[in-house]
C-alpha atoms as a PDB file:
ATOM      1  CA  MET A   1       0.000   0.000   0.000  1.00  0.00           C
ATOM      2  CA  PRO A   2       1.591   3.324  -1.051  1.00  0.00           C
ATOM      3  CA  ARG A   3       2.192   6.031   1.543  1.00  0.00           C
ATOM      4  CA  VAL A   4       1.023   8.909  -0.701  1.00  0.00           C
ATOM      5  CA  SER A   5      -1.787   9.124  -3.240  1.00  0.00           C
ATOM      6  CA  VAL A   6      -1.469  11.864  -5.874  1.00  0.00           C
ATOM      7  CA  ILE A   7      -4.804  12.908  -7.383  1.00  0.00           C
ATOM      8  CA  LEU A   8      -4.759  14.593 -10.793  1.00  0.00           C
ATOM      9  CA  PRO A   9      -8.058  15.590 -12.469  1.00  0.00           C
ATOM     10  CA  THR A  10      -7.931  16.465 -16.158  1.00  0.00           C
ATOM     11  CA  TYR A  11     -10.333  17.696 -18.812  1.00  0.00           C
ATOM     12  CA  ASN A  12      -9.245  18.260 -22.421  1.00  0.00           C
ATOM     13  CA  ARG A  13      -5.611  18.823 -21.469  1.00  0.00           C
ATOM     14  CA  ALA A  14      -3.928  16.357 -23.825  1.00  0.00           C
ATOM     15  CA  HIS A  15      -1.282  19.005 -24.579  1.00  0.00           C
ATOM     16  CA  THR A  16      -0.244  19.465 -20.931  1.00  0.00           C
ATOM     17  CA  VAL A  17      -1.227  16.339 -18.996  1.00  0.00           C
ATOM     18  CA  GLN A  18       1.886  14.403 -20.046  1.00  0.00           C
ATOM     19  CA  GLU A  19       4.204  16.979 -18.461  1.00  0.00           C
ATOM     20  CA  ALA A  20       2.083  16.903 -15.300  1.00  0.00           C
ATOM     21  CA  VAL A  21       2.171  13.097 -15.032  1.00  0.00           C
ATOM     22  CA  ASP A  22       5.899  12.993 -15.819  1.00  0.00           C
ATOM     23  CA  SER A  23       6.545  15.440 -12.977  1.00  0.00           C
ATOM     24  CA  ILE A  24       4.767  13.049 -10.593  1.00  0.00           C
ATOM     25  CA  LEU A  25       6.606   9.964 -11.803  1.00  0.00           C
ATOM     26  CA  GLY A  26       9.944  11.808 -11.580  1.00  0.00           C
ATOM     27  CA  GLN A  27       9.708  12.514  -7.861  1.00  0.00           C
ATOM     28  CA  THR A  28      12.661  11.832  -5.566  1.00  0.00           C
ATOM     29  CA  TYR A  29      10.153  10.148  -3.197  1.00  0.00           C
ATOM     30  CA  GLN A  30       8.722   7.045  -4.866  1.00  0.00           C
ATOM     31  CA  ASP A  31       6.330   5.490  -2.334  1.00  0.00           C
ATOM     32  CA  PHE A  32       3.203   6.826  -4.031  1.00  0.00           C
ATOM     33  CA  GLU A  33       0.381   5.986  -6.405  1.00  0.00           C
ATOM     34  CA  ALA A  34      -0.648   8.336  -9.226  1.00  0.00           C
ATOM     35  CA  ILE A  35      -4.388   8.504  -9.913  1.00  0.00           C
ATOM     36  CA  VAL A  36      -5.570  10.477 -12.954  1.00  0.00           C
ATOM     37  CA  VAL A  37      -9.290  11.190 -13.225  1.00  0.00           C
ATOM     38  CA  ASP A  38     -10.284  11.917 -16.829  1.00  0.00           C
ATOM     39  CA  ASP A  39     -13.352  14.126 -16.429  1.00  0.00           C
ATOM     40  CA  ALA A  40     -15.028  13.102 -19.724  1.00  0.00           C
ATOM     41  CA  SER A  41     -12.387  14.602 -22.018  1.00  0.00           C
ATOM     42  CA  THR A  42     -13.194  14.789 -25.719  1.00  0.00           C
ATOM     43  CA  ASP A  43      -9.638  15.307 -27.018  1.00  0.00           C
ATOM     44  CA  ASP A  44      -6.664  12.894 -27.105  1.00  0.00           C
ATOM     45  CA  THR A  45      -6.232  12.774 -23.321  1.00  0.00           C
ATOM     46  CA  ASP A  46      -7.182   9.092 -23.208  1.00  0.00           C
ATOM     47  CA  ALA A  47      -4.507   8.159 -25.751  1.00  0.00           C
ATOM     48  CA  VAL A  48      -1.836  10.120 -23.865  1.00  0.00           C
ATOM     49  CA  LEU A  49      -2.697   8.411 -20.568  1.00  0.00           C
ATOM     50  CA  ALA A  50      -2.775   4.960 -22.170  1.00  0.00           C
ATOM     51  CA  GLY A  51       0.941   5.278 -22.840  1.00  0.00           C
ATOM     52  CA  TYR A  52       1.751   5.056 -19.118  1.00  0.00           C
ATOM     53  CA  GLY A  53       0.395   1.535 -18.687  1.00  0.00           C
ATOM     54  CA  ASP A  54       0.076   0.402 -15.084  1.00  0.00           C
ATOM     55  CA  ARG A  55       2.346   3.182 -13.771  1.00  0.00           C
ATOM     56  CA  VAL A  56      -0.740   5.395 -13.549  1.00  0.00           C
ATOM     57  CA  LYS A  57      -4.222   4.439 -12.410  1.00  0.00           C
ATOM     58  CA  VAL A  58      -6.764   6.095 -14.708  1.00  0.00           C
ATOM     59  CA  ILE A  59     -10.413   6.692 -13.780  1.00  0.00           C
ATOM     60  CA  ARG A  60     -12.629   7.730 -16.670  1.00  0.00           C
ATOM     61  CA  ARG A  61     -15.838   9.627 -15.950  1.00  0.00           C
ATOM     62  CA  ALA A  62     -18.774   9.423 -18.358  1.00  0.00           C
ATOM     63  CA  THR A  63     -19.886  13.009 -17.697  1.00  0.00           C
ATOM     64  CA  ASN A  64     -17.997  16.163 -16.804  1.00  0.00           C
ATOM     65  CA  GLY A  65     -18.474  17.017 -13.129  1.00  0.00           C
ATOM     66  CA  GLY A  66     -15.776  19.609 -12.525  1.00  0.00           C
ATOM     67  CA  ALA A  67     -12.456  19.486 -10.711  1.00  0.00           C
ATOM     68  CA  GLY A  68     -13.984  18.992  -7.257  1.00  0.00           C
ATOM     69  CA  THR A  69     -16.037  15.986  -8.335  1.00  0.00           C
ATOM     70  CA  ALA A  70     -13.073  14.457 -10.177  1.00  0.00           C
ATOM     71  CA  ARG A  71     -10.772  14.908  -7.178  1.00  0.00           C
ATOM     72  CA  ASN A  72     -13.357  13.314  -4.892  1.00  0.00           C
ATOM     73  CA  ASP A  73     -13.559  10.285  -7.195  1.00  0.00           C
ATOM     74  CA  GLY A  74      -9.782  10.022  -7.067  1.00  0.00           C
ATOM     75  CA  ILE A  75      -9.677  10.277  -3.278  1.00  0.00           C
ATOM     76  CA  LYS A  76     -12.328   7.569  -2.907  1.00  0.00           C
ATOM     77  CA  ALA A  77     -10.323   5.254  -5.171  1.00  0.00           C
ATOM     78  CA  SER A  78      -7.006   5.956  -3.420  1.00  0.00           C
ATOM     79  CA  THR A  79      -5.324   3.967  -0.655  1.00  0.00           C
ATOM     80  CA  GLY A  80      -2.575   6.279   0.610  1.00  0.00           C
ATOM     81  CA  GLU A  81      -2.359   7.664   4.122  1.00  0.00           C
ATOM     82  CA  LEU A  82      -1.450  11.066   2.659  1.00  0.00           C
ATOM     83  CA  ILE A  83      -3.258  12.800  -0.214  1.00  0.00           C
ATOM     84  CA  ALA A  84      -1.519  15.229  -2.602  1.00  0.00           C
ATOM     85  CA  PHE A  85      -3.051  17.122  -5.506  1.00  0.00           C
ATOM     86  CA  LEU A  86      -1.988  18.406  -8.915  1.00  0.00           C
ATOM     87  CA  ASP A  87      -3.857  19.954 -11.833  1.00  0.00           C
ATOM     88  CA  SER A  88      -3.174  18.721 -15.353  1.00  0.00           C
ATOM     89  CA  ASP A  89      -1.819  22.054 -16.619  1.00  0.00           C
ATOM     90  CA  ASP A  90       0.709  22.395 -13.759  1.00  0.00           C
ATOM     91  CA  CYS A  91       3.656  20.319 -12.594  1.00  0.00           C
ATOM     92  CA  TYR A  92       5.646  19.309  -9.517  1.00  0.00           C
ATOM     93  CA  LEU A  93       9.270  20.112  -8.837  1.00  0.00           C
ATOM     94  CA  PRO A  94      11.328  16.966  -8.026  1.00  0.00           C
ATOM     95  CA  ARG A  95      11.233  17.233  -4.202  1.00  0.00           C
ATOM     96  CA  ARG A  96       7.519  18.030  -3.931  1.00  0.00           C
ATOM     97  CA  LEU A  97       6.432  14.762  -2.271  1.00  0.00           C
ATOM     98  CA  GLU A  98       9.623  14.208  -0.318  1.00  0.00           C
ATOM     99  CA  SER A  99       9.341  17.634   1.324  1.00  0.00           C
ATOM    100  CA  ALA A 100       5.701  17.026   2.285  1.00  0.00           C
ATOM    101  CA  VAL A 101       6.360  13.593   3.789  1.00  0.00           C
ATOM    102  CA  GLU A 102       9.341  14.902   5.758  1.00  0.00           C
ATOM    103  CA  ALA A 103       7.284  17.789   7.157  1.00  0.00           C
ATOM    104  CA  LEU A 104       4.322  15.605   8.147  1.00  0.00           C
ATOM    105  CA  ASP A 105       6.567  12.958   9.730  1.00  0.00           C
ATOM    106  CA  ALA A 106       8.408  15.615  11.721  1.00  0.00           C
ATOM    107  CA  HIS A 107       5.145  17.193  12.913  1.00  0.00           C
ATOM    108  CA  PRO A 108       2.446  14.612  13.652  1.00  0.00           C
ATOM    109  CA  GLU A 109       0.233  17.438  14.944  1.00  0.00           C
ATOM    110  CA  TYR A 110      -0.112  18.839  11.393  1.00  0.00           C
ATOM    111  CA  GLY A 111      -3.211  17.779   9.482  1.00  0.00           C
ATOM    112  CA  ALA A 112      -1.804  19.222   6.263  1.00  0.00           C
ATOM    113  CA  VAL A 113       1.257  21.010   4.898  1.00  0.00           C
ATOM    114  CA  TYR A 114       1.698  23.488   2.059  1.00  0.00           C
ATOM    115  CA  GLY A 115       4.552  25.271   0.310  1.00  0.00           C
ATOM    116  CA  ASN A 116       5.380  27.790  -2.402  1.00  0.00           C
ATOM    117  CA  MET A 117       4.798  27.609  -6.124  1.00  0.00           C
ATOM    118  CA  VAL A 118       6.049  29.732  -8.976  1.00  0.00           C
ATOM    119  CA  CYS A 119       3.627  31.125 -11.550  1.00  0.00           C
ATOM    120  CA  VAL A 120       4.500  31.008 -15.276  1.00  0.00           C
ATOM    121  CA  ASP A 121       2.773  31.809 -18.545  1.00  0.00           C
ATOM    122  CA  VAL A 122       2.164  29.569 -21.546  1.00  0.00           C
ATOM    123  CA  GLN A 123       5.733  30.011 -22.832  1.00  0.00           C
ATOM    124  CA  GLY A 124       7.198  29.025 -19.463  1.00  0.00           C
ATOM    125  CA  SER A 125       8.340  32.546 -18.553  1.00  0.00           C
ATOM    126  CA  ARG A 126       7.265  34.400 -15.468  1.00  0.00           C
ATOM    127  CA  PRO A 127       4.572  36.994 -16.155  1.00  0.00           C
ATOM    128  CA  ASP A 128       4.755  40.465 -14.696  1.00  0.00           C
ATOM    129  CA  ARG A 129       2.160  39.666 -12.022  1.00  0.00           C
ATOM    130  CA  LEU A 130       3.597  36.903  -9.832  1.00  0.00           C
ATOM    131  CA  TRP A 131       1.617  34.505  -7.677  1.00  0.00           C
ATOM    132  CA  ILE A 132       1.959  35.469  -4.017  1.00  0.00           C
ATOM    133  CA  THR A 133       2.504  32.324  -1.965  1.00  0.00           C
ATOM    134  CA  GLY A 134       3.765  31.477   1.476  1.00  0.00           C
ATOM    135  CA  ALA A 135       7.266  32.908   0.975  1.00  0.00           C
ATOM    136  CA  ARG A 136       5.848  36.318   1.884  1.00  0.00           C
ATOM    137  CA  CYS A 137       3.461  35.271   4.604  1.00  0.00           C
ATOM    138  CA  GLY A 138       4.006  31.606   5.453  1.00  0.00           C
ATOM    139  CA  HIS A 139       2.397  30.468   8.704  1.00  0.00           C
ATOM    140  CA  SER A 140       2.260  27.210  10.640  1.00  0.00           C
ATOM    141  CA  GLY A 141       0.018  25.998  13.450  1.00  0.00           C
ATOM    142  CA  TRP A 142      -3.578  27.085  13.954  1.00  0.00           C
ATOM    143  CA  ILE A 143      -3.722  29.375  10.923  1.00  0.00           C
ATOM    144  CA  PHE A 144      -7.444  29.580  10.153  1.00  0.00           C
ATOM    145  CA  ASP A 145      -7.365  33.391  10.404  1.00  0.00           C
ATOM    146  CA  ALA A 146      -4.454  33.652   7.968  1.00  0.00           C
ATOM    147  CA  VAL A 147      -5.953  31.157   5.489  1.00  0.00           C
ATOM    148  CA  LEU A 148      -9.308  32.933   5.685  1.00  0.00           C
ATOM    149  CA  GLU A 149      -7.738  36.294   4.926  1.00  0.00           C
ATOM    150  CA  HIS A 150      -4.832  35.459   2.614  1.00  0.00           C
ATOM    151  CA  GLY A 151      -5.552  32.028   1.138  1.00  0.00           C
ATOM    152  CA  LEU A 152      -1.960  30.778   1.568  1.00  0.00           C
ATOM    153  CA  MET A 153      -2.646  27.104   0.749  1.00  0.00           C
ATOM    154  CA  THR A 154      -2.695  26.076  -2.912  1.00  0.00           C
ATOM    155  CA  THR A 155      -3.838  22.857  -4.538  1.00  0.00           C
ATOM    156  CA  GLN A 156      -0.485  22.099  -6.181  1.00  0.00           C
ATOM    157  CA  THR A 157       1.503  22.386  -2.923  1.00  0.00           C
ATOM    158  CA  THR A 158      -0.898  21.025  -0.289  1.00  0.00           C
ATOM    159  CA  THR A 159      -0.679  17.509   1.139  1.00  0.00           C
ATOM    160  CA  VAL A 160      -3.439  16.356   3.514  1.00  0.00           C
ATOM    161  CA  ARG A 161      -3.728  13.438   5.923  1.00  0.00           C
ATOM    162  CA  ARG A 162      -6.615  11.144   5.011  1.00  0.00           C
ATOM    163  CA  SER A 163      -7.758  11.203   8.644  1.00  0.00           C
ATOM    164  CA  ILE A 164      -8.408  14.957   8.355  1.00  0.00           C
ATOM    165  CA  LEU A 165     -10.501  14.514   5.212  1.00  0.00           C
ATOM    166  CA  ASP A 166     -12.544  11.915   7.104  1.00  0.00           C
ATOM    167  CA  ARG A 167     -13.305  14.634   9.666  1.00  0.00           C
ATOM    168  CA  VAL A 168     -13.981  17.696   7.488  1.00  0.00           C
ATOM    169  CA  GLY A 169     -15.281  16.061   4.310  1.00  0.00           C
ATOM    170  CA  LEU A 170     -14.140  16.233   0.686  1.00  0.00           C
ATOM    171  CA  PHE A 171     -14.404  18.951  -1.960  1.00  0.00           C
ATOM    172  CA  ASP A 172     -17.732  20.738  -2.315  1.00  0.00           C
ATOM    173  CA  GLU A 173     -18.976  19.506  -5.692  1.00  0.00           C
ATOM    174  CA  SER A 174     -21.446  22.380  -6.032  1.00  0.00           C
ATOM    175  CA  LEU A 175     -18.501  24.773  -6.465  1.00  0.00           C
ATOM    176  CA  ARG A 176     -17.016  24.473  -9.961  1.00  0.00           C
ATOM    177  CA  SER A 177     -14.291  26.938  -8.985  1.00  0.00           C
ATOM    178  CA  VAL A 178     -12.519  27.837  -5.683  1.00  0.00           C
ATOM    179  CA  GLU A 179     -13.655  24.476  -4.265  1.00  0.00           C
ATOM    180  CA  ASP A 180     -10.076  24.007  -3.065  1.00  0.00           C
ATOM    181  CA  LEU A 181     -10.137  27.187  -0.944  1.00  0.00           C
ATOM    182  CA  ASP A 182     -13.362  26.009   0.676  1.00  0.00           C
ATOM    183  CA  LEU A 183     -11.623  22.775   1.716  1.00  0.00           C
ATOM    184  CA  TRP A 184      -8.516  24.592   3.006  1.00  0.00           C
ATOM    185  CA  TRP A 185     -10.739  26.756   5.240  1.00  0.00           C
ATOM    186  CA  ARG A 186     -12.363  23.651   6.716  1.00  0.00           C
ATOM    187  CA  ILE A 187      -9.012  21.931   7.265  1.00  0.00           C
ATOM    188  CA  ALA A 188      -7.398  24.969   8.886  1.00  0.00           C
ATOM    189  CA  ARG A 189     -10.419  25.341  11.149  1.00  0.00           C
ATOM    190  CA  HIS A 190     -10.122  21.779  12.505  1.00  0.00           C
ATOM    191  CA  ALA A 191      -6.382  21.040  12.418  1.00  0.00           C
ATOM    192  CA  GLN A 192      -2.950  22.617  12.563  1.00  0.00           C
ATOM    193  CA  VAL A 193      -1.307  23.251   9.203  1.00  0.00           C
ATOM    194  CA  GLY A 194       2.434  23.391   8.439  1.00  0.00           C
ATOM    195  CA  TYR A 195       4.340  25.623   6.028  1.00  0.00           C
ATOM    196  CA  MET A 196       7.206  23.828   4.215  1.00  0.00           C
ATOM    197  CA  GLY A 197       9.083  26.982   3.255  1.00  0.00           C
ATOM    198  CA  GLU A 198      10.250  25.923  -0.203  1.00  0.00           C
ATOM    199  CA  THR A 199       9.060  26.087  -3.798  1.00  0.00           C
ATOM    200  CA  VAL A 200       7.620  22.709  -4.767  1.00  0.00           C
ATOM    201  CA  ALA A 201       5.347  23.271  -7.778  1.00  0.00           C
ATOM    202  CA  VAL A 202       4.830  25.280 -10.963  1.00  0.00           C
ATOM    203  CA  TYR A 203       1.477  26.899 -11.743  1.00  0.00           C
ATOM    204  CA  ARG A 204       0.823  27.644 -15.414  1.00  0.00           C
ATOM    205  CA  ILE A 205      -1.562  30.423 -16.482  1.00  0.00           C
ATOM    206  CA  LEU A 206      -3.731  29.215 -19.351  1.00  0.00           C
ATOM    207  CA  PRO A 207      -6.620  31.070 -21.044  1.00  0.00           C
ATOM    208  CA  GLY A 208      -9.087  28.249 -20.357  1.00  0.00           C
ATOM    209  CA  SER A 209      -8.301  27.805 -16.652  1.00  0.00           C
ATOM    210  CA  THR A 210     -11.343  27.753 -14.376  1.00  0.00           C
ATOM    211  CA  SER A 211      -9.853  30.646 -12.409  1.00  0.00           C
ATOM    212  CA  ARG A 212      -9.934  32.817 -15.559  1.00  0.00           C
ATOM    213  CA  LEU A 213     -13.489  32.281 -16.802  1.00  0.00           C
ATOM    214  CA  GLY A 214     -14.872  35.730 -16.020  1.00  0.00           C
ATOM    215  CA  ALA A 215     -18.395  35.870 -14.607  1.00  0.00           C
ATOM    216  CA  ARG A 216     -18.574  32.075 -14.267  1.00  0.00           C
ATOM    217  CA  SER A 217     -15.566  32.021 -11.959  1.00  0.00           C
ATOM    218  CA  SER A 218     -16.411  35.197 -10.001  1.00  0.00           C
ATOM    219  CA  GLU A 219     -19.889  33.832  -9.264  1.00  0.00           C
ATOM    220  CA  TYR A 220     -18.323  30.931  -7.351  1.00  0.00           C
ATOM    221  CA  TRP A 221     -16.170  33.332  -5.345  1.00  0.00           C
ATOM    222  CA  VAL A 222     -19.375  35.069  -4.251  1.00  0.00           C
ATOM    223  CA  ARG A 223     -20.957  31.709  -3.404  1.00  0.00           C
ATOM    224  CA  LEU A 224     -17.909  30.712  -1.361  1.00  0.00           C
ATOM    225  CA  SER A 225     -17.983  33.890   0.746  1.00  0.00           C
ATOM    226  CA  ARG A 226     -21.719  33.502   1.340  1.00  0.00           C
ATOM    227  CA  LYS A 227     -21.225  29.866   2.312  1.00  0.00           C
ATOM    228  CA  ALA A 228     -18.607  30.898   4.887  1.00  0.00           C
ATOM    229  CA  ILE A 229     -21.008  33.423   6.425  1.00  0.00           C
ATOM    230  CA  ASP A 230     -23.791  30.836   6.617  1.00  0.00           C
ATOM    231  CA  THR A 231     -21.589  27.940   7.806  1.00  0.00           C
ATOM    232  CA  TYR A 232     -19.216  29.534  10.305  1.00  0.00           C
ATOM    233  CA  THR A 233     -21.729  30.929  12.769  1.00  0.00           C
ATOM    234  CA  ASP A 234     -19.217  31.226  15.614  1.00  0.00           C
ATOM    235  CA  LEU A 235     -16.714  33.534  13.910  1.00  0.00           C
ATOM    236  CA  THR A 236     -15.012  36.183  15.997  1.00  0.00           C
ATOM    237  CA  PRO A 237     -15.865  39.811  15.136  1.00  0.00           C
ATOM    238  CA  ARG A 238     -12.558  40.142  13.278  1.00  0.00           C
ATOM    239  CA  GLN A 239     -13.073  36.907  11.323  1.00  0.00           C
ATOM    240  CA  ARG A 240     -16.597  37.931  10.366  1.00  0.00           C
ATOM    241  CA  ARG A 241     -15.285  41.300   9.199  1.00  0.00           C
ATOM    242  CA  VAL A 242     -12.720  39.507   7.032  1.00  0.00           C
ATOM    243  CA  VAL A 243     -15.417  37.343   5.439  1.00  0.00           C
ATOM    244  CA  MET A 244     -17.715  40.324   4.860  1.00  0.00           C
ATOM    245  CA  ARG A 245     -14.815  42.201   3.265  1.00  0.00           C
ATOM    246  CA  ARG A 246     -14.221  39.221   0.977  1.00  0.00           C
ATOM    247  CA  LEU A 247     -17.889  39.116   0.004  1.00  0.00           C
ATOM    248  CA  CYS A 248     -17.983  42.847  -0.785  1.00  0.00           C
ATOM    249  CA  TRP A 249     -14.851  42.535  -2.882  1.00  0.00           C
ATOM    250  CA  ASP A 250     -16.126  39.419  -4.675  1.00  0.00           C
ATOM    251  CA  LEU A 251     -19.429  41.126  -5.489  1.00  0.00           C
ATOM    252  CA  ARG A 252     -17.595  44.107  -6.957  1.00  0.00           C
ATOM    253  CA  VAL A 253     -15.369  41.881  -9.109  1.00  0.00           C
ATOM    254  CA  HIS A 254     -18.402  39.834 -10.155  1.00  0.00           C
ATOM    255  CA  ALA A 255     -20.145  43.032 -11.201  1.00  0.00           C
ATOM    256  CA  LEU A 256     -17.168  43.895 -13.408  1.00  0.00           C
ATOM    257  CA  HIS A 257     -17.314  40.522 -15.153  1.00  0.00           C
ATOM    258  CA  LEU A 258     -21.088  40.726 -15.546  1.00  0.00           C
ATOM    259  CA  GLY A 259     -20.695  44.134 -17.172  1.00  0.00           C
ATOM    260  CA  ALA A 260     -18.061  42.735 -19.527  1.00  0.00           C
ATOM    261  CA  ALA A 261     -20.537  40.012 -20.524  1.00  0.00           C
ATOM    262  CA  GLY A 262     -23.231  42.607 -21.245  1.00  0.00           C
ATOM    263  CA  ARG A 263     -25.351  41.610 -18.218  1.00  0.00           C
ATOM    264  CA  HIS A 264     -25.649  45.197 -17.020  1.00  0.00           C
ATOM    265  CA  GLN A 265     -28.764  44.830 -14.862  1.00  0.00           C
ATOM    266  CA  GLU A 266     -27.179  41.993 -12.890  1.00  0.00           C
ATOM    267  CA  ALA A 267     -23.943  43.994 -12.634  1.00  0.00           C
ATOM    268  CA  ARG A 268     -25.796  46.951 -11.097  1.00  0.00           C
ATOM    269  CA  ALA A 269     -27.568  44.635  -8.653  1.00  0.00           C
ATOM    270  CA  ALA A 270     -24.229  43.139  -7.547  1.00  0.00           C
ATOM    271  CA  CYS A 271     -22.787  46.626  -7.081  1.00  0.00           C
ATOM    272  CA  ARG A 272     -25.781  47.707  -5.000  1.00  0.00           C
ATOM    273  CA  GLU A 273     -25.450  44.624  -2.796  1.00  0.00           C
ATOM    274  CA  ALA A 274     -21.742  45.319  -2.311  1.00  0.00           C
ATOM    275  CA  ILE A 275     -22.475  48.930  -1.344  1.00  0.00           C
ATOM    276  CA  ASN A 276     -25.171  47.938   1.164  1.00  0.00           C
ATOM    277  CA  LEU A 277     -22.986  45.251   2.773  1.00  0.00           C
ATOM    278  CA  ALA A 278     -20.047  47.634   2.992  1.00  0.00           C
ATOM    279  CA  LEU A 279     -22.126  50.317   4.686  1.00  0.00           C
ATOM    280  CA  GLU A 280     -23.751  47.840   7.094  1.00  0.00           C
ATOM    281  CA  ASN A 281     -20.333  46.541   8.173  1.00  0.00           C
ATOM    282  CA  ARG A 282     -18.568  49.929   8.130  1.00  0.00           C
ATOM    283  CA  LEU A 283     -16.239  48.941   5.323  1.00  0.00           C
ATOM    284  CA  TRP A 284     -16.031  52.495   4.071  1.00  0.00           C
ATOM    285  CA  ALA A 285     -13.242  52.051   1.519  1.00  0.00           C
ATOM    286  CA  LEU A 286     -14.928  49.085  -0.161  1.00  0.00           C
ATOM    287  CA  GLY A 287     -18.251  50.908  -0.113  1.00  0.00           C
ATOM    288  CA  LEU A 288     -16.672  53.916  -1.830  1.00  0.00           C
ATOM    289  CA  ARG A 289     -15.032  51.708  -4.454  1.00  0.00           C
ATOM    290  CA  ALA A 290     -18.284  49.895  -5.182  1.00  0.00           C
ATOM    291  CA  THR A 291     -20.117  53.240  -5.451  1.00  0.00           C
ATOM    292  CA  ILE A 292     -17.560  54.621  -7.893  1.00  0.00           C
ATOM    293  CA  ALA A 293     -17.645  51.367  -9.880  1.00  0.00           C
ATOM    294  CA  SER A 294     -21.424  51.584 -10.097  1.00  0.00           C
ATOM    295  CA  MET A 295     -21.227  55.185 -11.315  1.00  0.00           C
ATOM    296  CA  LEU A 296     -18.505  54.495 -13.889  1.00  0.00           C
ATOM    297  CA  GLY A 297     -20.133  51.432 -15.415  1.00  0.00           C
ATOM    298  CA  TYR A 298     -18.212  48.659 -17.118  1.00  0.00           C
ATOM    299  CA  ARG A 299     -16.369  50.751 -19.715  1.00  0.00           C
ATOM    300  CA  GLY A 300     -15.162  53.296 -17.184  1.00  0.00           C
ATOM    301  CA  ARG A 301     -14.001  50.601 -14.780  1.00  0.00           C
ATOM    302  CA  HIS A 302     -12.242  48.793 -17.617  1.00  0.00           C
ATOM    303  CA  CYS A 303     -10.267  51.952 -18.454  1.00  0.00           C
ATOM    304  CA  VAL A 304      -9.294  52.469 -14.807  1.00  0.00           C
ATOM    305  CA  ARG A 305      -8.238  48.830 -14.516  1.00  0.00           C
ATOM    306  CA  ALA A 306      -6.145  49.090 -17.697  1.00  0.00           C
ATOM    307  CA  MET A 307      -4.332  52.117 -16.286  1.00  0.00           C
ATOM    308  CA  ARG A 308      -3.630  50.309 -13.014  1.00  0.00           C
ATOM    309  CA  LEU A 309      -2.228  47.283 -14.885  1.00  0.00           C
ATOM    310  CA  ALA A 310      -0.002  49.590 -16.932  1.00  0.00           C
ATOM    311  CA  VAL A 311       1.367  51.142 -13.740  1.00  0.00           C
ATOM    312  CA  ASP A 312       1.945  47.672 -12.265  1.00  0.00           C
ATOM    313  CA  ARG A 313       3.916  46.604 -15.333  1.00  0.00           C
ATOM    314  CA  ILE A 314       6.079  49.726 -15.211  1.00  0.00           C
ATOM    315  CA  ARG A 315       6.828  49.103 -11.521  1.00  0.00           C
ATOM    316  CA  TYR A 316       7.574  45.422 -12.187  1.00  0.00           C
ATOM    317  CA  PHE A 317      10.068  45.991 -14.996  1.00  0.00           C
ATOM    318  CA  ARG A 318      11.722  48.754 -13.035  1.00  0.00           C
ATOM    319  CA  PHE A 319      12.245  46.827  -9.805  1.00  0.00           C
ATOM    320  CA  ARG A 320      12.345  43.141 -10.853  1.00  0.00           C
ATOM    321  CA  PRO A 321      14.804  41.143 -12.992  1.00  0.00           C
ATOM    322  CA  ALA A 322      13.862  39.882 -16.420  1.00  0.00           C
ATOM    323  CA  SER A 323      11.793  36.699 -16.816  1.00  0.00           C
ATOM    324  CA  ARG A 324      13.597  33.430 -16.184  1.00  0.00           C
ATOM    325  CA  SER A 325      13.122  29.832 -17.243  1.00  0.00           C
ATOM    326  CA  LEU A 326      10.296  27.562 -16.123  1.00  0.00           C
ATOM    327  CA  VAL A 327      12.121  25.492 -13.485  1.00  0.00           C
ATOM    328  CA  ASP A 328      14.888  26.855 -11.296  1.00  0.00           C
ATOM    329  CA  GLU A 329      15.392  24.508  -8.355  1.00  0.00           C
ATOM    330  CA  GLY A 330      17.410  27.108  -6.495  1.00  0.00           C
ATOM    331  CA  ASP A 331      14.536  29.556  -6.642  1.00  0.00           C
ATOM    332  CA  PRO A 332      13.252  30.383  -3.131  1.00  0.00           C
ATOM    333  CA  GLY A 333       9.806  31.265  -4.492  1.00  0.00           C
ATOM    334  CA  VAL A 334       8.016  34.587  -4.800  1.00  0.00           C
END
């Protein structure tokens, strides 16, 4: 029975899934099983996976259920004491599993561990907006507050004990996006979490990623914040303020995406809700932003956002080195 089970869901990623699987099979730690869940792909994914033979266990779904559903199927079919995750458009660095096992063995009180990942674009170069991971704000222990406010844990770098999943449950299959953050909140609320302090994975930005699907993705962010408010009834005043701030922000971003999709009435309704929530919870800055966004409309907000991105790029190229290659094992992260 393997010590670690690596769960990899994939959907129409024949052009990237091979690199992802190869990064699992090339780990310095070899006591693992690799489980790939093909979420009803319609491209050549099946043919690519067939080339691995019995080195990879493949589960084929008849209908597409989303990443959360696919991961749950993989977890249910797994046998490892520890569960690690990877998406089919990303990849592990060689010590990914070894670092996680070492950290969990050294700290039996940890229910999960996470690390850093580097963000790259399609060409394998770092874009001008880098993924902020634990290297800037890594925490260990009872870190529910930090995970609630900053996220911290990422799917590609997190390894979870099966016993913790038995306590808090699996991925919420009703969330087709940000279902991983929902699980990290539940884990951090019930168990201590450890920060590994090294870069262990590569996250690739692709146009079709679920995190980049506009109004479809932002709607799930709003659902997640509302679920937290409804579920966590015993939050401290500060924690509740953090969740309300997230909801106001998510509503404002959702309004922007709705406006971009031409759904202007829904965008105005989302803005109004954000304004009312901000005023009720004395989040004056967010309330002002939502009010201005409502007054500007989609086109005005798009122009302001474009100017902000231009300023960010100027600051990046002025203060950061040029883009580097995809994998640099000596890289301490971002």
